[in-house]
Protein backbone atom coordinates (compact mmCIF):
# COMPACT_ATOMS: atom_id res chain seq x y z
CA MET A 1 9.19 21.28 -26.18
CA LEU A 2 10.93 23.39 -28.86
CA ASP A 3 9.10 26.45 -27.61
CA GLU A 4 10.83 26.20 -24.57
CA LEU A 5 14.66 25.66 -26.02
CA ARG A 6 13.72 28.70 -28.44
CA ARG A 7 12.80 30.93 -25.38
CA SER A 8 15.80 29.70 -23.30
CA THR A 9 18.27 30.53 -26.12
CA GLY A 10 16.78 33.98 -26.56
CA ASP A 11 17.38 34.68 -23.02
CA ASP A 12 21.16 34.31 -22.78
CA ASP A 13 22.42 37.12 -24.74
CA ASN A 14 26.23 37.00 -23.22
CA PHE A 15 28.50 36.85 -26.29
CA ASP A 16 31.77 38.20 -25.76
CA PHE A 17 32.71 38.35 -29.17
CA ASP A 18 32.02 40.82 -32.08
CA PHE A 19 31.24 39.97 -35.45
CA ASP A 20 32.57 42.60 -38.48
CA ALA A 21 28.88 43.53 -38.89
CA ASP A 22 27.63 46.99 -39.13
CA ASN A 23 24.07 47.56 -37.94
CA VAL A 24 21.91 48.62 -40.99
CA ILE A 25 18.31 50.11 -41.15
CA ARG A 26 16.08 48.50 -43.82
CA GLU A 27 13.64 50.44 -45.91
CA ASP A 28 10.79 49.21 -43.66
CA GLY A 29 12.47 50.74 -40.46
CA GLU A 30 13.81 47.33 -38.94
CA GLU A 31 17.06 47.19 -37.94
CA ARG A 32 19.45 44.19 -39.26
CA ALA A 33 22.96 43.26 -38.78
CA GLN A 34 24.84 43.42 -42.23
CA ARG A 35 27.18 40.54 -42.38
CA LEU A 36 31.22 41.27 -43.95
CA PHE A 37 33.33 38.32 -44.86
CA LEU A 38 37.18 39.94 -45.09
CA GLY A 39 35.69 43.48 -44.82
CA MET A 40 33.66 43.00 -48.30
CA THR A 41 30.15 43.30 -49.20
CA ALA A 42 28.51 40.58 -51.00
CA VAL A 43 28.47 42.66 -54.27
CA GLU A 44 32.07 43.66 -53.73
CA ARG A 45 32.81 39.64 -53.24
CA MET A 46 30.81 38.88 -56.39
CA PHE A 47 33.03 41.13 -58.58
CA ILE A 48 36.33 39.80 -57.24
CA SER A 49 35.19 36.26 -58.26
CA ILE A 50 34.30 37.38 -61.44
CA PHE A 51 37.49 38.98 -62.21
CA LEU A 52 39.36 36.31 -60.53
CA PHE A 53 37.83 33.89 -62.93
CA MET A 54 38.34 35.72 -65.96
CA ASN A 55 41.98 35.87 -65.16
CA VAL A 56 42.08 32.30 -64.75
CA THR A 57 40.57 32.01 -67.90
CA VAL A 58 42.80 34.44 -69.89
CA LEU A 59 46.18 33.05 -68.33
CA GLY A 60 45.04 29.61 -69.38
CA LEU A 61 44.00 30.23 -72.75
CA ALA A 62 47.18 32.02 -73.30
CA PHE A 63 49.03 28.97 -71.82
CA LEU A 64 47.55 26.68 -74.07
CA LEU A 65 48.14 29.01 -77.15
CA ALA A 66 52.12 29.33 -76.03
CA THR A 67 52.40 25.49 -75.70
CA GLY A 68 50.78 24.61 -79.23
CA ARG A 69 47.81 22.61 -77.25
CA ILE A 70 45.20 24.92 -79.32
CA ARG A 71 45.38 26.68 -82.71
CA PHE A 72 42.96 29.25 -84.30
């Protein structure tokens, strides 16, 4: 039953939309689609999230220092 369902979904490749994906050939010669989110790769998104975290941390610490909530 599940095999028939799996085969029937593989037969219909009539998708009219396009993902933001480029075909990439891996080291083993197999071709796969690289999915991009907002035009960035996974590594670029990781660096953006790290920089955003550092910004929030530094600005939060500066705000706490300016308002006198913490002291060194």
